[in-house]
Amino acid sequence: MPLTLGGSSNSAGFAAFQLNKSQSLLEKSLERISSGQRILDASDDPGNLAVSMKLNTAINMTDAMNINVSNALSFSESQDGALNTAGDILTRMSELRTAYDDVLATTSEKDNYNIEFQELRASLGDLMSEQFNDVSLFSETESGGMTVYTTASGSSAGLGIEMGKLNLTAALNTFTTDTSSEAATNAEALFGSSNAAGTASLGDFSTANITEAISGVASLRAESGAISSRLTFSQERLSSSKLELENAYSRIMDVDLASELTNYTKQNVQVYAASAMLMQANLNMSIVSDLLMVNLKG
């Protein structure tokens, strides 16, 4: 029977093919394990890759929306803090007004009460100009309102929370009621300015004036608190939505380590086996070649 190289050559070629294939699968498995990603190239799973890209975009948009809501919540909390201060100032004003009515209070004592009262009026005026990130906390017009969008679709869906820059001016818009005084002609409000040359004194405002202002500020605090509560619930919903989107993204993109480690072990064994068979095939070819040389010499 003649000796040929065909069979050994085919065996070596097949062994080399299997080695290259197993080596490629082993490298892919190693990349997945080291990166933690199941899809490394678009060719791995085109359909799910497209879905994962949309999910990733939704996650980033939801996160950005959550930051917007957090900023709005901080704005609302700043409003409430200013209103709380206004309430404390008005409470102190009411104490001064009560002390002013004391029949035993001397003219000097009343003058001292009025000095503090004027400073408190200026403080109320300062509060009305408070800002958060260069945005006024309070506004005297309805056009001062803002819309905080609470969905990833933003203004296109029109879903949001109307958040007004509360009208503190109207709440404090109580004037002197003593028609016999010069202050009534000037119609000075309860709030003022440290630079204002007003003539209204503590005695020109009644306890009812101050009580009316306290009631107005309390209403604004209730409105601000309701908005803060709604923003908080929206923030919780956005956080929950982001978590659900991240879970969906993870199920598509994250590698199953247990399964991939098993696959890596399998491919590793196949690489060793194919390498051994390739060596054996090359050895067989060498033996056949030696035998052919002996036959030729004989």
C-alpha atoms as a PDB file:
ATOM      1  CA  MET A   1       0.000   0.000   0.000  1.00  0.00           C
ATOM      2  CA  PRO A   2       1.579   3.332  -1.026  1.00  0.00           C
ATOM      3  CA  LEU A   3       2.308   5.907   1.603  1.00  0.00           C
ATOM      4  CA  THR A   4       0.692   9.386   1.120  1.00  0.00           C
ATOM      5  CA  LEU A   5       0.629  12.686   2.979  1.00  0.00           C
ATOM      6  CA  GLY A   6      -3.051  13.450   2.216  1.00  0.00           C
ATOM      7  CA  GLY A   7      -4.623  11.949   5.342  1.00  0.00           C
ATOM      8  CA  SER A   8      -2.166  13.480   7.755  1.00  0.00           C
ATOM      9  CA  SER A   9      -2.378  16.834   5.988  1.00  0.00           C
ATOM     10  CA  ASN A  10      -6.172  16.872   6.259  1.00  0.00           C
ATOM     11  CA  SER A  11      -5.970  15.967   9.936  1.00  0.00           C
ATOM     12  CA  ALA A  12      -3.532  18.771  10.635  1.00  0.00           C
ATOM     13  CA  GLY A  13      -5.680  21.267   8.751  1.00  0.00           C
ATOM     14  CA  PHE A  14      -8.817  20.222  10.620  1.00  0.00           C
ATOM     15  CA  ALA A  15      -6.983  20.370  13.950  1.00  0.00           C
ATOM     16  CA  ALA A  16      -5.700  23.857  13.125  1.00  0.00           C
ATOM     17  CA  PHE A  17      -9.220  24.993  12.188  1.00  0.00           C
ATOM     18  CA  GLN A  18     -10.673  23.699  15.465  1.00  0.00           C
ATOM     19  CA  LEU A  19      -7.833  25.275  17.430  1.00  0.00           C
ATOM     20  CA  ASN A  20      -8.450  28.711  15.871  1.00  0.00           C
ATOM     21  CA  LYS A  21     -12.198  28.420  16.456  1.00  0.00           C
ATOM     22  CA  SER A  22     -11.795  27.352  20.095  1.00  0.00           C
ATOM     23  CA  GLN A  23      -9.182  30.049  20.680  1.00  0.00           C
ATOM     24  CA  SER A  24     -11.544  32.715  19.324  1.00  0.00           C
ATOM     25  CA  LEU A  25     -14.421  31.512  21.537  1.00  0.00           C
ATOM     26  CA  LEU A  26     -12.075  31.379  24.527  1.00  0.00           C
ATOM     27  CA  GLU A  27     -10.976  34.978  23.972  1.00  0.00           C
ATOM     28  CA  LYS A  28     -14.593  36.125  23.617  1.00  0.00           C
ATOM     29  CA  SER A  29     -15.529  34.355  26.844  1.00  0.00           C
ATOM     30  CA  LEU A  30     -12.560  35.913  28.638  1.00  0.00           C
ATOM     31  CA  GLU A  31     -13.575  39.392  27.408  1.00  0.00           C
ATOM     32  CA  ARG A  32     -17.115  38.898  28.720  1.00  0.00           C
ATOM     33  CA  ILE A  33     -15.913  37.744  32.123  1.00  0.00           C
ATOM     34  CA  SER A  34     -13.380  40.559  32.487  1.00  0.00           C
ATOM     35  CA  SER A  35     -15.809  43.293  31.296  1.00  0.00           C
ATOM     36  CA  GLY A  36     -18.966  41.940  32.894  1.00  0.00           C
ATOM     37  CA  GLN A  37     -20.817  42.626  29.640  1.00  0.00           C
ATOM     38  CA  ARG A  38     -22.684  39.976  27.688  1.00  0.00           C
ATOM     39  CA  ILE A  39     -22.828  42.047  24.483  1.00  0.00           C
ATOM     40  CA  LEU A  40     -19.411  43.277  23.409  1.00  0.00           C
ATOM     41  CA  ASP A  41     -20.013  43.814  19.700  1.00  0.00           C
ATOM     42  CA  ALA A  42     -23.125  44.694  17.712  1.00  0.00           C
ATOM     43  CA  SER A  43     -22.911  41.274  16.047  1.00  0.00           C
ATOM     44  CA  ASP A  44     -23.280  39.485  19.401  1.00  0.00           C
ATOM     45  CA  ASP A  45     -26.982  40.356  19.772  1.00  0.00           C
ATOM     46  CA  PRO A  46     -28.139  43.183  17.469  1.00  0.00           C
ATOM     47  CA  GLY A  47     -31.779  43.239  18.616  1.00  0.00           C
ATOM     48  CA  ASN A  48     -31.110  43.397  22.350  1.00  0.00           C
ATOM     49  CA  LEU A  49     -28.259  45.859  21.810  1.00  0.00           C
ATOM     50  CA  ALA A  50     -30.742  48.295  20.258  1.00  0.00           C
ATOM     51  CA  VAL A  51     -33.111  47.822  23.204  1.00  0.00           C
ATOM     52  CA  SER A  52     -30.274  48.369  25.689  1.00  0.00           C
ATOM     53  CA  MET A  53     -29.304  51.650  24.003  1.00  0.00           C
ATOM     54  CA  LYS A  54     -32.862  52.949  24.382  1.00  0.00           C
ATOM     55  CA  LEU A  55     -32.924  51.842  28.014  1.00  0.00           C
ATOM     56  CA  ASN A  56     -29.599  53.547  28.696  1.00  0.00           C
ATOM     57  CA  THR A  57     -30.922  56.785  27.201  1.00  0.00           C
ATOM     58  CA  ALA A  58     -34.061  56.540  29.351  1.00  0.00           C
ATOM     59  CA  ILE A  59     -31.926  55.965  32.450  1.00  0.00           C
ATOM     60  CA  ASN A  60     -29.822  59.075  31.784  1.00  0.00           C
ATOM     61  CA  MET A  61     -32.889  61.207  31.024  1.00  0.00           C
ATOM     62  CA  THR A  62     -34.662  59.996  34.174  1.00  0.00           C
ATOM     63  CA  ASP A  63     -31.566  60.788  36.222  1.00  0.00           C
ATOM     64  CA  ALA A  64     -31.402  64.293  34.741  1.00  0.00           C
ATOM     65  CA  MET A  65     -35.120  64.794  35.424  1.00  0.00           C
ATOM     66  CA  ASN A  66     -34.585  63.698  39.014  1.00  0.00           C
ATOM     67  CA  ILE A  67     -31.887  66.358  39.393  1.00  0.00           C
ATOM     68  CA  ASN A  68     -34.307  68.988  38.018  1.00  0.00           C
ATOM     69  CA  VAL A  69     -36.949  67.958  40.550  1.00  0.00           C
ATOM     70  CA  SER A  70     -34.341  68.025  43.337  1.00  0.00           C
ATOM     71  CA  ASN A  71     -33.394  71.570  42.366  1.00  0.00           C
ATOM     72  CA  ALA A  72     -37.065  72.583  42.366  1.00  0.00           C
ATOM     73  CA  LEU A  73     -37.475  70.997  45.782  1.00  0.00           C
ATOM     74  CA  SER A  74     -34.512  73.016  47.065  1.00  0.00           C
ATOM     75  CA  PHE A  75     -36.124  76.160  45.629  1.00  0.00           C
ATOM     76  CA  SER A  76     -39.392  75.355  47.406  1.00  0.00           C
ATOM     77  CA  GLU A  77     -37.579  74.658  50.677  1.00  0.00           C
ATOM     78  CA  SER A  78     -35.798  77.996  50.371  1.00  0.00           C
ATOM     79  CA  GLN A  79     -39.190  79.665  49.894  1.00  0.00           C
ATOM     80  CA  ASP A  80     -40.516  77.968  53.004  1.00  0.00           C
ATOM     81  CA  GLY A  81     -37.450  79.002  54.992  1.00  0.00           C
ATOM     82  CA  ALA A  82     -37.951  82.635  54.020  1.00  0.00           C
ATOM     83  CA  LEU A  83     -41.662  82.436  54.835  1.00  0.00           C
ATOM     84  CA  ASN A  84     -40.875  80.889  58.206  1.00  0.00           C
ATOM     85  CA  THR A  85     -38.581  83.824  58.933  1.00  0.00           C
ATOM     86  CA  ALA A  86     -41.324  86.234  57.833  1.00  0.00           C
ATOM     87  CA  GLY A  87     -43.704  84.521  60.250  1.00  0.00           C
ATOM     88  CA  ASP A  88     -41.211  84.929  63.106  1.00  0.00           C
ATOM     89  CA  ILE A  89     -40.783  88.621  62.256  1.00  0.00           C
ATOM     90  CA  LEU A  90     -44.535  89.193  62.215  1.00  0.00           C
ATOM     91  CA  THR A  91     -44.893  87.373  65.524  1.00  0.00           C
ATOM     92  CA  ARG A  92     -42.329  89.707  67.037  1.00  0.00           C
ATOM     93  CA  MET A  93     -44.186  92.659  65.510  1.00  0.00           C
ATOM     94  CA  SER A  94     -47.380  91.515  67.201  1.00  0.00           C
ATOM     95  CA  GLU A  95     -45.547  91.354  70.528  1.00  0.00           C
ATOM     96  CA  LEU A  96     -44.260  94.883  70.050  1.00  0.00           C
ATOM     97  CA  ARG A  97     -47.721  96.123  69.081  1.00  0.00           C
ATOM     98  CA  THR A  98     -49.216  94.565  72.215  1.00  0.00           C
ATOM     99  CA  ALA A  99     -46.506  96.127  74.371  1.00  0.00           C
ATOM    100  CA  TYR A 100     -47.129  99.456  72.629  1.00  0.00           C
ATOM    101  CA  ASP A 101     -50.736  99.387  73.865  1.00  0.00           C
ATOM    102  CA  ASP A 102     -49.656  99.022  77.474  1.00  0.00           C
ATOM    103  CA  VAL A 103     -51.210 101.949  79.328  1.00  0.00           C
ATOM    104  CA  LEU A 104     -48.136 102.095  81.544  1.00  0.00           C
ATOM    105  CA  ALA A 105     -45.692 102.299  78.624  1.00  0.00           C
ATOM    106  CA  THR A 106     -43.819 105.597  78.572  1.00  0.00           C
ATOM    107  CA  THR A 107     -43.214 107.675  75.459  1.00  0.00           C
ATOM    108  CA  SER A 108     -39.556 106.670  75.558  1.00  0.00           C
ATOM    109  CA  GLU A 109     -40.432 102.985  75.710  1.00  0.00           C
ATOM    110  CA  LYS A 110     -42.843 103.370  72.795  1.00  0.00           C
ATOM    111  CA  ASP A 111     -40.101 105.057  70.791  1.00  0.00           C
ATOM    112  CA  ASN A 112     -37.825 102.083  71.477  1.00  0.00           C
ATOM    113  CA  TYR A 113     -40.546  99.690  70.372  1.00  0.00           C
ATOM    114  CA  ASN A 114     -40.944 101.658  67.174  1.00  0.00           C
ATOM    115  CA  ILE A 115     -37.192 101.585  66.450  1.00  0.00           C
ATOM    116  CA  GLU A 116     -37.214  97.783  66.544  1.00  0.00           C
ATOM    117  CA  PHE A 117     -40.454  97.724  64.534  1.00  0.00           C
ATOM    118  CA  GLN A 118     -38.905  99.775  61.730  1.00  0.00           C
ATOM    119  CA  GLU A 119     -35.945  97.391  61.543  1.00  0.00           C
ATOM    120  CA  LEU A 120     -38.341  94.466  61.335  1.00  0.00           C
ATOM    121  CA  ARG A 121     -40.208  96.199  58.492  1.00  0.00           C
ATOM    122  CA  ALA A 122     -36.903  96.519  56.654  1.00  0.00           C
ATOM    123  CA  SER A 123     -36.196  92.826  57.259  1.00  0.00           C
ATOM    124  CA  LEU A 124     -39.515  91.906  55.655  1.00  0.00           C
ATOM    125  CA  GLY A 125     -38.601  94.075  52.686  1.00  0.00           C
ATOM    126  CA  ASP A 126     -35.254  92.272  52.387  1.00  0.00           C
ATOM    127  CA  LEU A 127     -36.961  88.865  52.430  1.00  0.00           C
ATOM    128  CA  MET A 128     -39.066  89.824  49.425  1.00  0.00           C
ATOM    129  CA  SER A 129     -35.903  90.192  47.330  1.00  0.00           C
ATOM    130  CA  GLU A 130     -34.431  86.800  48.294  1.00  0.00           C
ATOM    131  CA  GLN A 131     -33.161  84.620  45.439  1.00  0.00           C
ATOM    132  CA  PHE A 132     -32.199  81.010  44.774  1.00  0.00           C
ATOM    133  CA  ASN A 133     -29.570  80.520  42.062  1.00  0.00           C
ATOM    134  CA  ASP A 134     -30.329  84.040  40.764  1.00  0.00           C
ATOM    135  CA  VAL A 135     -34.074  83.263  40.578  1.00  0.00           C
ATOM    136  CA  SER A 136     -36.391  85.342  42.787  1.00  0.00           C
ATOM    137  CA  LEU A 137     -38.201  83.342  45.436  1.00  0.00           C
ATOM    138  CA  PHE A 138     -41.206  85.642  45.355  1.00  0.00           C
ATOM    139  CA  SER A 139     -43.087  87.534  42.675  1.00  0.00           C
ATOM    140  CA  GLU A 140     -45.787  90.194  42.610  1.00  0.00           C
ATOM    141  CA  THR A 141     -47.336  88.897  39.370  1.00  0.00           C
ATOM    142  CA  GLU A 142     -48.936  85.667  38.178  1.00  0.00           C
ATOM    143  CA  SER A 143     -46.379  85.478  35.370  1.00  0.00           C
ATOM    144  CA  GLY A 144     -43.766  84.525  37.918  1.00  0.00           C
ATOM    145  CA  GLY A 145     -44.882  80.899  37.888  1.00  0.00           C
ATOM    146  CA  MET A 146     -42.751  77.985  36.705  1.00  0.00           C
ATOM    147  CA  THR A 147     -43.455  74.454  35.474  1.00  0.00           C
ATOM    148  CA  VAL A 148     -41.308  71.616  36.801  1.00  0.00           C
ATOM    149  CA  TYR A 149     -41.546  68.686  34.379  1.00  0.00           C
ATOM    150  CA  THR A 150     -41.618  65.298  36.071  1.00  0.00           C
ATOM    151  CA  THR A 151     -41.367  62.874  33.149  1.00  0.00           C
ATOM    152  CA  ALA A 152     -38.494  62.065  30.805  1.00  0.00           C
ATOM    153  CA  SER A 153     -40.526  63.381  27.872  1.00  0.00           C
ATOM    154  CA  GLY A 154     -40.303  66.881  29.381  1.00  0.00           C
ATOM    155  CA  SER A 155     -42.282  69.756  27.904  1.00  0.00           C
ATOM    156  CA  SER A 156     -43.429  67.683  24.906  1.00  0.00           C
ATOM    157  CA  ALA A 157     -45.828  65.742  27.135  1.00  0.00           C
ATOM    158  CA  GLY A 158     -46.782  68.743  29.239  1.00  0.00           C
ATOM    159  CA  LEU A 159     -46.740  66.717  32.464  1.00  0.00           C
ATOM    160  CA  GLY A 160     -45.362  68.734  35.326  1.00  0.00           C
ATOM    161  CA  ILE A 161     -45.953  70.625  38.534  1.00  0.00           C
ATOM    162  CA  GLU A 162     -46.938  74.275  38.458  1.00  0.00           C
ATOM    163  CA  MET A 163     -44.645  75.979  40.905  1.00  0.00           C
ATOM    164  CA  GLY A 164     -45.380  79.630  41.512  1.00  0.00           C
ATOM    165  CA  LYS A 165     -42.994  82.242  42.840  1.00  0.00           C
ATOM    166  CA  LEU A 166     -45.323  83.056  45.723  1.00  0.00           C
ATOM    167  CA  ASN A 167     -46.711  86.579  46.071  1.00  0.00           C
ATOM    168  CA  LEU A 168     -45.316  87.601  49.436  1.00  0.00           C
ATOM    169  CA  THR A 169     -46.049  91.233  48.622  1.00  0.00           C
ATOM    170  CA  ALA A 170     -49.795  90.562  48.574  1.00  0.00           C
ATOM    171  CA  ALA A 171     -49.605  88.620  51.827  1.00  0.00           C
ATOM    172  CA  LEU A 172     -47.933  91.558  53.555  1.00  0.00           C
ATOM    173  CA  ASN A 173     -50.035  94.138  51.731  1.00  0.00           C
ATOM    174  CA  THR A 174     -51.727  95.475  54.841  1.00  0.00           C
ATOM    175  CA  PHE A 175     -51.681  99.241  55.266  1.00  0.00           C
ATOM    176  CA  THR A 176     -52.031 101.695  58.066  1.00  0.00           C
ATOM    177  CA  THR A 177     -55.653 102.245  59.025  1.00  0.00           C
ATOM    178  CA  ASP A 178     -55.363 105.397  61.128  1.00  0.00           C
ATOM    179  CA  THR A 179     -57.013 107.945  58.815  1.00  0.00           C
ATOM    180  CA  SER A 180     -55.965 110.804  61.034  1.00  0.00           C
ATOM    181  CA  SER A 181     -52.271 110.152  60.546  1.00  0.00           C
ATOM    182  CA  GLU A 182     -49.988 111.316  57.779  1.00  0.00           C
ATOM    183  CA  ALA A 183     -49.026 107.672  57.219  1.00  0.00           C
ATOM    184  CA  ALA A 184     -52.511 106.901  55.945  1.00  0.00           C
ATOM    185  CA  THR A 185     -52.026 109.408  53.158  1.00  0.00           C
ATOM    186  CA  ASN A 186     -48.765 107.712  52.165  1.00  0.00           C
ATOM    187  CA  ALA A 187     -50.446 104.292  52.447  1.00  0.00           C
ATOM    188  CA  GLU A 188     -47.304 102.643  53.820  1.00  0.00           C
ATOM    189  CA  ALA A 189     -47.365  98.860  53.876  1.00  0.00           C
ATOM    190  CA  LEU A 190     -46.309  96.686  56.769  1.00  0.00           C
ATOM    191  CA  PHE A 191     -43.076  95.834  54.993  1.00  0.00           C
ATOM    192  CA  GLY A 192     -40.538  98.499  54.183  1.00  0.00           C
ATOM    193  CA  SER A 193     -36.922  99.134  53.326  1.00  0.00           C
ATOM    194  CA  SER A 194     -33.939 100.116  55.375  1.00  0.00           C
ATOM    195  CA  ASN A 195     -33.471 102.998  52.922  1.00  0.00           C
ATOM    196  CA  ALA A 196     -37.105 104.132  52.979  1.00  0.00           C
ATOM    197  CA  ALA A 197     -37.939 107.402  54.659  1.00  0.00           C
ATOM    198  CA  GLY A 198     -41.386 106.295  55.822  1.00  0.00           C
ATOM    199  CA  THR A 199     -43.466 108.092  58.393  1.00  0.00           C
ATOM    200  CA  ALA A 200     -45.622 105.177  59.562  1.00  0.00           C
ATOM    201  CA  SER A 201     -44.848 104.067  63.088  1.00  0.00           C
ATOM    202  CA  LEU A 202     -45.798 101.048  65.146  1.00  0.00           C
ATOM    203  CA  GLY A 203     -48.837 102.892  66.480  1.00  0.00           C
ATOM    204  CA  ASP A 204     -50.189 103.396  62.947  1.00  0.00           C
ATOM    205  CA  PHE A 205     -50.715  99.646  62.499  1.00  0.00           C
ATOM    206  CA  SER A 206     -53.363  97.761  64.415  1.00  0.00           C
ATOM    207  CA  THR A 207     -53.052  94.281  65.839  1.00  0.00           C
ATOM    208  CA  ALA A 208     -55.577  93.242  63.170  1.00  0.00           C
ATOM    209  CA  ASN A 209     -53.185  94.481  60.444  1.00  0.00           C
ATOM    210  CA  ILE A 210     -50.384  92.273  61.714  1.00  0.00           C
ATOM    211  CA  THR A 211     -52.712  89.305  62.285  1.00  0.00           C
ATOM    212  CA  GLU A 212     -53.925  89.626  58.685  1.00  0.00           C
ATOM    213  CA  ALA A 213     -50.324  89.508  57.447  1.00  0.00           C
ATOM    214  CA  ILE A 214     -49.572  86.443  59.592  1.00  0.00           C
ATOM    215  CA  SER A 215     -52.595  84.718  58.082  1.00  0.00           C
ATOM    216  CA  GLY A 216     -51.401  85.580  54.569  1.00  0.00           C
ATOM    217  CA  VAL A 217     -47.908  84.195  55.223  1.00  0.00           C
ATOM    218  CA  ALA A 218     -49.397  81.042  56.751  1.00  0.00           C
ATOM    219  CA  SER A 219     -51.411  80.479  53.573  1.00  0.00           C
ATOM    220  CA  LEU A 220     -48.283  80.865  51.471  1.00  0.00           C
ATOM    221  CA  ARG A 221     -46.445  78.346  53.662  1.00  0.00           C
ATOM    222  CA  ALA A 222     -49.286  75.877  53.189  1.00  0.00           C
ATOM    223  CA  GLU A 223     -49.068  76.351  49.413  1.00  0.00           C
ATOM    224  CA  SER A 224     -45.283  75.977  49.455  1.00  0.00           C
ATOM    225  CA  GLY A 225     -45.545  72.869  51.644  1.00  0.00           C
ATOM    226  CA  ALA A 226     -48.069  71.263  49.297  1.00  0.00           C
ATOM    227  CA  ILE A 227     -45.750  71.846  46.331  1.00  0.00           C
ATOM    228  CA  SER A 228     -42.785  70.435  48.275  1.00  0.00           C
ATOM    229  CA  SER A 229     -44.805  67.339  49.140  1.00  0.00           C
ATOM    230  CA  ARG A 230     -45.738  66.786  45.509  1.00  0.00           C
ATOM    231  CA  LEU A 231     -42.137  67.278  44.385  1.00  0.00           C
ATOM    232  CA  THR A 232     -40.972  64.754  46.971  1.00  0.00           C
ATOM    233  CA  PHE A 233     -43.405  62.136  45.674  1.00  0.00           C
ATOM    234  CA  SER A 234     -42.278  62.848  42.108  1.00  0.00           C
ATOM    235  CA  GLN A 235     -38.660  62.436  43.183  1.00  0.00           C
ATOM    236  CA  GLU A 236     -39.449  59.057  44.748  1.00  0.00           C
ATOM    237  CA  ARG A 237     -41.257  57.933  41.596  1.00  0.00           C
ATOM    238  CA  LEU A 238     -38.366  58.979  39.370  1.00  0.00           C
ATOM    239  CA  SER A 239     -35.880  57.138  41.593  1.00  0.00           C
ATOM    240  CA  SER A 240     -38.033  54.011  41.439  1.00  0.00           C
ATOM    241  CA  SER A 241     -38.389  54.326  37.674  1.00  0.00           C
ATOM    242  CA  LYS A 242     -34.631  54.671  37.254  1.00  0.00           C
ATOM    243  CA  LEU A 243     -34.055  51.527  39.330  1.00  0.00           C
ATOM    244  CA  GLU A 244     -36.504  49.545  37.190  1.00  0.00           C
ATOM    245  CA  LEU A 245     -34.838  50.764  33.981  1.00  0.00           C
ATOM    246  CA  GLU A 246     -31.412  49.847  35.345  1.00  0.00           C
ATOM    247  CA  ASN A 247     -32.656  46.352  36.193  1.00  0.00           C
ATOM    248  CA  ALA A 248     -33.996  45.914  32.655  1.00  0.00           C
ATOM    249  CA  TYR A 249     -30.717  47.154  31.183  1.00  0.00           C
ATOM    250  CA  SER A 250     -28.750  44.826  33.445  1.00  0.00           C
ATOM    251  CA  ARG A 251     -30.755  41.781  32.385  1.00  0.00           C
ATOM    252  CA  ILE A 252     -29.838  42.473  28.761  1.00  0.00           C
ATOM    253  CA  MET A 253     -26.234  43.609  29.059  1.00  0.00           C
ATOM    254  CA  ASP A 254     -24.738  41.969  32.149  1.00  0.00           C
ATOM    255  CA  VAL A 255     -23.029  38.623  31.676  1.00  0.00           C
ATOM    256  CA  ASP A 256     -24.189  35.512  33.546  1.00  0.00           C
ATOM    257  CA  LEU A 257     -20.899  34.782  35.316  1.00  0.00           C
ATOM    258  CA  ALA A 258     -21.798  31.225  36.322  1.00  0.00           C
ATOM    259  CA  SER A 259     -22.744  30.293  32.778  1.00  0.00           C
ATOM    260  CA  GLU A 260     -19.818  32.148  31.220  1.00  0.00           C
ATOM    261  CA  LEU A 261     -17.277  30.585  33.599  1.00  0.00           C
ATOM    262  CA  THR A 262     -18.586  27.162  32.601  1.00  0.00           C
ATOM    263  CA  ASN A 263     -18.280  28.128  28.946  1.00  0.00           C
ATOM    264  CA  TYR A 264     -14.763  29.482  29.529  1.00  0.00           C
ATOM    265  CA  THR A 265     -13.670  26.183  31.109  1.00  0.00           C
ATOM    266  CA  LYS A 266     -15.157  24.252  28.191  1.00  0.00           C
ATOM    267  CA  GLN A 267     -13.402  26.390  25.579  1.00  0.00           C
ATOM    268  CA  ASN A 268     -10.141  26.194  27.528  1.00  0.00           C
ATOM    269  CA  VAL A 269     -10.258  22.398  27.455  1.00  0.00           C
ATOM    270  CA  GLN A 270     -11.055  22.434  23.760  1.00  0.00           C
ATOM    271  CA  VAL A 271      -8.066  24.701  23.048  1.00  0.00           C
ATOM    272  CA  TYR A 272      -5.752  22.290  24.853  1.00  0.00           C
ATOM    273  CA  ALA A 273      -7.288  19.319  23.058  1.00  0.00           C
ATOM    274  CA  ALA A 274      -7.059  20.939  19.627  1.00  0.00           C
ATOM    275  CA  SER A 275      -3.460  21.963  20.318  1.00  0.00           C
ATOM    276  CA  ALA A 276      -2.576  18.397  21.293  1.00  0.00           C
ATOM    277  CA  MET A 277      -4.270  16.980  18.203  1.00  0.00           C
ATOM    278  CA  LEU A 278      -2.498  19.482  15.955  1.00  0.00           C
ATOM    279  CA  MET A 279       0.829  18.451  17.453  1.00  0.00           C
ATOM    280  CA  GLN A 280      -0.080  14.796  16.941  1.00  0.00           C
ATOM    281  CA  ALA A 281      -1.125  15.434  13.324  1.00  0.00           C
ATOM    282  CA  ASN A 282       2.156  17.246  12.642  1.00  0.00           C
ATOM    283  CA  LEU A 283       4.045  14.354  14.259  1.00  0.00           C
ATOM    284  CA  ASN A 284       2.241  11.846  12.046  1.00  0.00           C
ATOM    285  CA  MET A 285       3.143  13.902   8.989  1.00  0.00           C
ATOM    286  CA  SER A 286       6.781  13.864  10.072  1.00  0.00           C
ATOM    287  CA  ILE A 287       6.737  10.052  10.494  1.00  0.00           C
ATOM    288  CA  VAL A 288       5.111   9.554   7.087  1.00  0.00           C
ATOM    289  CA  SER A 289       7.641  11.898   5.533  1.00  0.00           C
ATOM    290  CA  ASP A 290      10.522   9.932   7.053  1.00  0.00           C
ATOM    291  CA  LEU A 291       9.081   6.654   5.793  1.00  0.00           C
ATOM    292  CA  LEU A 292       8.681   8.080   2.307  1.00  0.00           C
ATOM    293  CA  MET A 293      12.309   9.172   2.310  1.00  0.00           C
ATOM    294  CA  VAL A 294      13.396   5.673   3.352  1.00  0.00           C
ATOM    295  CA  ASN A 295      11.312   4.124   0.555  1.00  0.00           C
ATOM    296  CA  LEU A 296      12.747   6.499  -1.981  1.00  0.00           C
ATOM    297  CA  LYS A 297      16.305   5.681  -0.937  1.00  0.00           C
ATOM    298  CA  GLY A 298      15.528   1.930  -1.088  1.00  0.00           C
END
